[in-house]
Amino acid sequence: MTDARLPLLREIEVMDEHGVRRTIAIPAEQALTVFVDRRELVTLMTLGAMPELLVLGWLRNQRLIASPDEIESITVDWEVGAAAVRTRAGIADLDARTGRRVVTTGCGQGTVFGDLMAQIDGIRLPAPEQARLRQGALVAMLETMRQTDSIHRRAGSVHGCALFSADGRERLMFVEDVGRHNAIDTISGWMALHGIDGGDKVFYTTGRLTSEMVMKSAHMGVPIIVSRNGVTQMGHDLAARLGMTLFGRAANRHFLCYTGFDRFDSEPEPQRAPVRVVAG
């Protein structure tokens, strides 16, 4: 694989409400068109932080490949804005598998090919007694993310995703991109490349938990998801169907557990007594 990462920020001049001109940083979005064995499949809008892992994870999450061993090379060339993927033996039924496409709404529009939703019944995640999360570990994760020096903190306009060990002590991978779909695909590519199993991991995202985000996490084998944002109805229903645990509105020490309570070891903090206001 090449290593064609780009600068993630670009400086521009702006004028504020006081008529003062100043320089700020904005995310440097790029278009990257993916070709597989010379066939154009999709154009991804990305920061270009780890484009090769993004492409690998996208192929994996679209179920076009099952293992990195099927790939001979991934070459990214930003002069033409293209990623050329060469497989070892081609992808069987590529026309049929990419012919039916659903473009999802939201940040960095996701693309779901054909029958991915039909494949979820074949997913087997670890049992609740094998994959759990303590409240203290969840709070530690949220504190790690709060202290992260991120692109979002400096420039906004991006989403971040991370992969944690279930004890909350180690953040294994963190990436930001213009959309949450790209960020989770990049983490998926990293997991595939390094042979990382998702069963004892927790996935964190700043983006909302739609059905596609839940589905991708399930395909990665990760049974527990934490979001700073909320959950959609389809995301909730899909997670319940798969036996996944979803946390949303998670920041500082606050959170909501939407599904999968049996994976969560609650350590409730005492509720503060309401403050009485007495008129003087």
Protein backbone atom coordinates (compact mmCIF):
# COMPACT_ATOMS: atom_id res chain seq x y z
CA MET A 1 0.00 0.00 0.00
CA THR A 2 1.05 3.55 -0.58
CA ASP A 3 1.09 6.05 2.28
CA ALA A 4 -0.47 9.06 0.58
CA ARG A 5 -1.82 11.01 3.54
CA LEU A 6 -2.46 14.72 3.11
CA PRO A 7 -2.33 17.80 5.35
CA LEU A 8 -5.66 17.78 7.19
CA LEU A 9 -6.12 21.51 7.60
CA ARG A 10 -5.92 24.55 5.34
CA GLU A 11 -5.64 28.16 6.45
CA ILE A 12 -8.01 30.75 5.01
CA GLU A 13 -8.81 34.41 5.68
CA VAL A 14 -12.22 35.29 7.13
CA MET A 15 -13.97 38.43 8.32
CA ASP A 16 -15.88 38.35 11.60
CA GLU A 17 -18.93 40.29 12.81
CA HIS A 18 -16.68 43.18 13.87
CA GLY A 19 -15.25 43.59 10.37
CA VAL A 20 -11.90 42.16 11.54
CA ARG A 21 -9.99 39.96 9.13
CA ARG A 22 -8.18 36.98 10.58
CA THR A 23 -6.80 33.60 9.62
CA ILE A 24 -8.47 30.36 10.65
CA ALA A 25 -8.04 26.67 9.79
CA ILE A 26 -10.66 24.59 7.96
CA PRO A 27 -10.68 20.85 7.14
CA ALA A 28 -9.07 20.13 3.76
CA GLU A 29 -11.73 17.99 2.05
CA GLN A 30 -10.70 15.99 -1.03
CA ALA A 31 -12.47 13.74 -3.53
CA LEU A 32 -11.07 10.22 -3.85
CA THR A 33 -12.46 7.95 -6.59
CA VAL A 34 -12.03 4.23 -5.93
CA PHE A 35 -11.24 1.90 -8.83
CA VAL A 36 -11.21 -1.87 -8.31
CA ASP A 37 -9.42 -3.77 -11.06
CA ARG A 38 -9.85 -0.68 -13.26
CA ARG A 39 -13.59 -0.45 -12.62
CA GLU A 40 -14.85 2.78 -11.01
CA LEU A 41 -16.97 2.04 -7.95
CA VAL A 42 -17.44 5.14 -5.79
CA THR A 43 -16.12 8.61 -4.99
CA LEU A 44 -15.45 9.26 -1.31
CA MET A 45 -15.12 12.75 0.15
CA THR A 46 -12.33 12.59 2.70
CA LEU A 47 -9.64 14.50 4.58
CA GLY A 48 -7.08 12.01 3.31
CA ALA A 49 -5.64 11.17 6.72
CA MET A 50 -5.31 7.44 5.99
CA PRO A 51 -6.75 6.96 2.50
CA GLU A 52 -5.49 3.41 1.96
CA LEU A 53 -7.09 2.19 5.21
CA LEU A 54 -10.26 4.06 4.27
CA VAL A 55 -10.47 2.21 0.95
CA LEU A 56 -9.69 -1.15 2.55
CA GLY A 57 -12.32 -0.61 5.25
CA TRP A 58 -14.89 0.57 2.72
CA LEU A 59 -14.42 -2.60 0.66
CA ARG A 60 -14.69 -4.70 3.82
CA ASN A 61 -17.79 -2.95 5.14
CA GLN A 62 -19.47 -3.24 1.75
CA ARG A 63 -18.76 -7.00 1.95
CA LEU A 64 -16.91 -6.85 -1.36
CA ILE A 65 -13.91 -8.51 0.29
CA ALA A 66 -13.67 -10.71 3.37
CA SER A 67 -9.93 -10.38 4.04
CA PRO A 68 -7.00 -8.11 3.13
CA ASP A 69 -5.38 -11.23 1.64
CA GLU A 70 -7.70 -10.77 -1.36
CA ILE A 71 -5.98 -7.46 -2.17
CA GLU A 72 -2.71 -7.31 -4.06
CA SER A 73 -2.23 -3.53 -3.79
CA ILE A 74 -3.92 -0.22 -2.98
CA THR A 75 -2.32 2.80 -4.64
CA VAL A 76 -3.53 6.33 -3.92
CA ASP A 77 -2.56 9.17 -6.27
CA TRP A 78 -3.79 12.58 -5.17
CA GLU A 79 -2.70 14.24 -8.44
CA VAL A 80 -5.61 12.48 -10.13
CA GLY A 81 -7.69 11.96 -6.96
CA ALA A 82 -7.88 8.20 -7.38
CA ALA A 83 -7.31 5.01 -5.42
CA ALA A 84 -6.44 2.01 -7.60
CA VAL A 85 -7.20 -1.35 -5.98
CA ARG A 86 -5.79 -4.47 -7.57
CA THR A 87 -7.21 -7.79 -6.35
CA ARG A 88 -5.51 -11.17 -6.55
CA ALA A 89 -8.38 -13.03 -8.19
CA GLY A 90 -11.05 -10.44 -8.93
CA ILE A 91 -14.31 -9.98 -7.02
CA ALA A 92 -16.97 -12.53 -7.88
CA ASP A 93 -20.26 -11.17 -9.22
CA LEU A 94 -19.05 -7.58 -8.86
CA ASP A 95 -21.66 -6.24 -11.28
CA ALA A 96 -24.52 -7.89 -9.43
CA ARG A 97 -23.19 -6.98 -5.99
CA THR A 98 -22.74 -3.31 -6.83
CA GLY A 99 -25.70 -2.90 -9.15
CA ARG A 100 -28.27 -2.17 -6.45
CA ARG A 101 -27.17 0.77 -4.36
CA VAL A 102 -28.71 2.76 -1.53
CA VAL A 103 -27.21 6.19 -0.89
CA THR A 104 -27.83 7.11 2.73
CA THR A 105 -28.39 10.64 3.92
CA GLY A 106 -26.24 12.55 6.35
CA CYS A 107 -22.64 13.64 6.75
CA GLY A 108 -20.41 12.32 3.99
CA GLN A 109 -23.24 10.32 2.39
CA GLY A 110 -22.78 6.63 2.98
CA THR A 111 -23.29 4.06 0.26
CA VAL A 112 -24.75 0.64 1.02
CA PHE A 113 -24.66 -1.97 -1.70
CA GLY A 114 -27.50 -4.38 -2.41
CA ASP A 115 -28.17 -7.05 0.14
CA LEU A 116 -26.06 -5.96 3.11
CA MET A 117 -29.13 -5.67 5.31
CA ALA A 118 -30.10 -9.24 4.35
CA GLN A 119 -26.70 -10.47 5.59
CA ILE A 120 -27.11 -9.29 9.17
CA ASP A 121 -28.94 -12.42 10.27
CA GLY A 122 -25.67 -14.27 9.73
CA ILE A 123 -23.78 -12.03 12.15
CA ARG A 124 -22.88 -13.64 15.47
CA LEU A 125 -21.65 -11.29 18.18
CA PRO A 126 -20.19 -12.40 21.54
CA ALA A 127 -22.67 -13.26 24.27
CA PRO A 128 -23.31 -10.60 26.95
CA GLU A 129 -21.22 -12.47 29.53
CA GLN A 130 -18.26 -12.38 27.12
CA ALA A 131 -18.43 -8.73 26.04
CA ARG A 132 -19.32 -6.23 28.74
CA LEU A 133 -18.71 -2.61 29.69
CA ARG A 134 -18.48 -1.12 33.17
CA GLN A 135 -19.76 2.37 33.81
CA GLY A 136 -16.35 3.39 35.12
CA ALA A 137 -14.73 2.26 31.85
CA LEU A 138 -17.31 4.20 29.84
CA VAL A 139 -16.60 7.36 31.83
CA ALA A 140 -12.86 6.87 31.30
CA MET A 141 -13.40 6.65 27.53
CA LEU A 142 -15.45 9.82 27.51
CA GLU A 143 -12.73 11.61 29.47
CA THR A 144 -10.08 10.43 26.98
CA MET A 145 -12.14 11.82 24.10
CA ARG A 146 -12.81 15.07 25.96
CA GLN A 147 -9.08 15.68 26.37
CA THR A 148 -8.18 14.80 22.76
CA ASP A 149 -6.55 17.57 20.72
CA SER A 150 -8.74 17.09 17.68
CA ILE A 151 -9.31 18.67 14.28
CA HIS A 152 -12.91 19.27 15.36
CA ARG A 153 -11.75 21.33 18.31
CA ARG A 154 -9.53 23.46 16.08
CA ALA A 155 -11.63 23.72 12.93
CA GLY A 156 -14.99 21.97 13.33
CA SER A 157 -16.82 20.37 10.39
CA VAL A 158 -15.56 16.80 10.93
CA HIS A 159 -16.55 13.62 12.77
CA GLY A 160 -14.28 11.45 14.88
CA CYS A 161 -14.36 7.71 15.56
CA ALA A 162 -12.26 5.62 17.94
CA LEU A 163 -11.76 2.00 18.95
CA PHE A 164 -11.24 1.23 22.64
CA SER A 165 -10.45 -1.83 24.68
CA ALA A 166 -13.52 -2.78 26.73
CA ASP A 167 -11.80 -1.87 30.00
CA GLY A 168 -11.54 1.73 28.79
CA ARG A 169 -7.82 1.92 29.47
CA GLU A 170 -6.52 1.90 25.89
CA ARG A 171 -7.59 3.80 22.80
CA LEU A 172 -6.37 1.59 19.99
CA MET A 173 -7.25 3.79 17.02
CA PHE A 174 -8.63 7.30 16.44
CA VAL A 175 -9.40 9.00 13.15
CA GLU A 176 -11.32 12.08 12.01
CA ASP A 177 -12.86 12.63 8.60
CA VAL A 178 -15.49 14.76 6.90
CA GLY A 179 -18.11 12.09 7.61
CA ARG A 180 -18.64 9.41 10.21
CA HIS A 181 -18.92 6.77 7.46
CA ASN A 182 -15.35 7.41 6.31
CA ALA A 183 -14.07 7.37 9.89
CA ILE A 184 -15.63 4.00 10.73
CA ASP A 185 -14.47 2.54 7.40
CA THR A 186 -10.91 3.65 8.17
CA ILE A 187 -11.02 1.92 11.55
CA SER A 188 -12.45 -1.18 9.87
CA GLY A 189 -9.54 -1.16 7.42
CA TRP A 190 -7.04 -0.84 10.28
CA MET A 191 -8.66 -3.76 12.12
CA ALA A 192 -8.60 -5.92 8.99
CA LEU A 193 -4.99 -5.09 8.15
CA HIS A 194 -3.75 -5.91 11.65
CA GLY A 195 -6.05 -8.86 12.35
CA ILE A 196 -7.81 -7.11 15.23
CA ASP A 197 -10.92 -8.87 16.57
CA GLY A 198 -13.85 -6.65 17.54
CA GLY A 199 -15.53 -8.89 20.09
CA ASP A 200 -13.80 -7.35 23.11
CA LYS A 201 -13.76 -3.77 21.81
CA VAL A 202 -15.94 -0.67 22.07
CA PHE A 203 -16.56 1.65 19.13
CA TYR A 204 -16.92 5.39 19.79
CA THR A 205 -18.26 8.01 17.39
CA THR A 206 -19.18 11.67 17.53
CA GLY A 207 -21.89 11.05 14.92
CA ARG A 208 -25.44 9.82 15.33
CA LEU A 209 -26.13 6.10 15.31
CA THR A 210 -28.06 5.40 12.14
CA SER A 211 -28.82 1.90 10.87
CA GLU A 212 -25.74 2.02 8.64
CA MET A 213 -23.39 2.89 11.49
CA VAL A 214 -24.85 0.10 13.63
CA MET A 215 -24.61 -2.34 10.72
CA LYS A 216 -20.97 -1.48 10.00
CA SER A 217 -20.03 -1.90 13.65
CA ALA A 218 -21.76 -5.28 13.69
CA HIS A 219 -19.90 -6.36 10.53
CA MET A 220 -16.68 -5.39 12.34
CA GLY A 221 -17.70 -7.69 15.20
CA VAL A 222 -17.95 -4.86 17.75
CA PRO A 223 -20.99 -5.34 20.03
CA ILE A 224 -20.85 -2.08 22.01
CA ILE A 225 -21.16 1.41 20.50
CA VAL A 226 -20.88 4.78 22.23
CA SER A 227 -21.99 8.02 20.56
CA ARG A 228 -21.79 11.63 21.61
CA ASN A 229 -24.92 12.06 19.52
CA GLY A 230 -28.28 10.28 19.45
CA VAL A 231 -29.84 7.18 17.90
CA THR A 232 -32.35 6.87 15.07
CA GLN A 233 -35.28 4.45 15.18
CA MET A 234 -33.74 2.14 12.56
CA GLY A 235 -30.41 2.20 14.38
CA HIS A 236 -32.15 1.32 17.64
CA ASP A 237 -34.23 -1.50 16.12
CA LEU A 238 -31.26 -3.01 14.30
CA ALA A 239 -29.09 -2.96 17.44
CA ALA A 240 -31.85 -4.63 19.46
CA ARG A 241 -32.23 -7.30 16.78
CA LEU A 242 -28.49 -8.04 16.85
CA GLY A 243 -28.13 -7.93 20.64
CA MET A 244 -25.85 -4.88 20.58
CA THR A 245 -25.45 -2.28 23.30
CA LEU A 246 -25.90 1.35 22.28
CA PHE A 247 -24.99 4.40 24.33
CA GLY A 248 -25.96 7.85 23.13
CA ARG A 249 -25.84 11.45 24.37
CA ALA A 250 -22.58 10.39 25.99
CA ALA A 251 -20.37 13.23 27.24
CA ASN A 252 -18.56 13.91 30.49
CA ARG A 253 -20.28 11.60 32.99
CA HIS A 254 -23.68 11.63 31.31
CA PHE A 255 -25.13 9.06 28.89
CA LEU A 256 -28.21 7.11 27.89
CA CYS A 257 -28.12 3.34 27.33
CA TYR A 258 -30.66 2.64 24.58
CA THR A 259 -30.30 -1.12 24.04
CA GLY A 260 -28.39 -4.11 25.41
CA PHE A 261 -28.66 -3.38 29.13
CA ASP A 262 -27.46 -6.94 29.82
CA ARG A 263 -23.96 -6.04 28.60
CA PHE A 264 -23.68 -3.02 30.88
CA ASP A 265 -22.43 -3.11 34.47
CA SER A 266 -24.07 -0.02 35.92
CA GLU A 267 -22.33 1.78 38.75
CA PRO A 268 -24.91 4.48 39.45
CA GLU A 269 -23.81 7.79 40.84
CA PRO A 270 -26.01 9.23 43.59
CA GLN A 271 -28.59 11.64 42.26
CA ARG A 272 -28.33 15.16 43.57
CA ALA A 273 -31.21 16.42 45.60
CA PRO A 274 -33.27 19.10 43.83
CA VAL A 275 -32.47 22.65 44.84
CA ARG A 276 -35.33 24.44 46.55
CA VAL A 277 -35.70 28.11 45.76
CA VAL A 278 -37.34 30.03 48.57
CA ALA A 279 -38.81 33.37 47.73
CA GLY A 280 -37.48 36.08 50.03
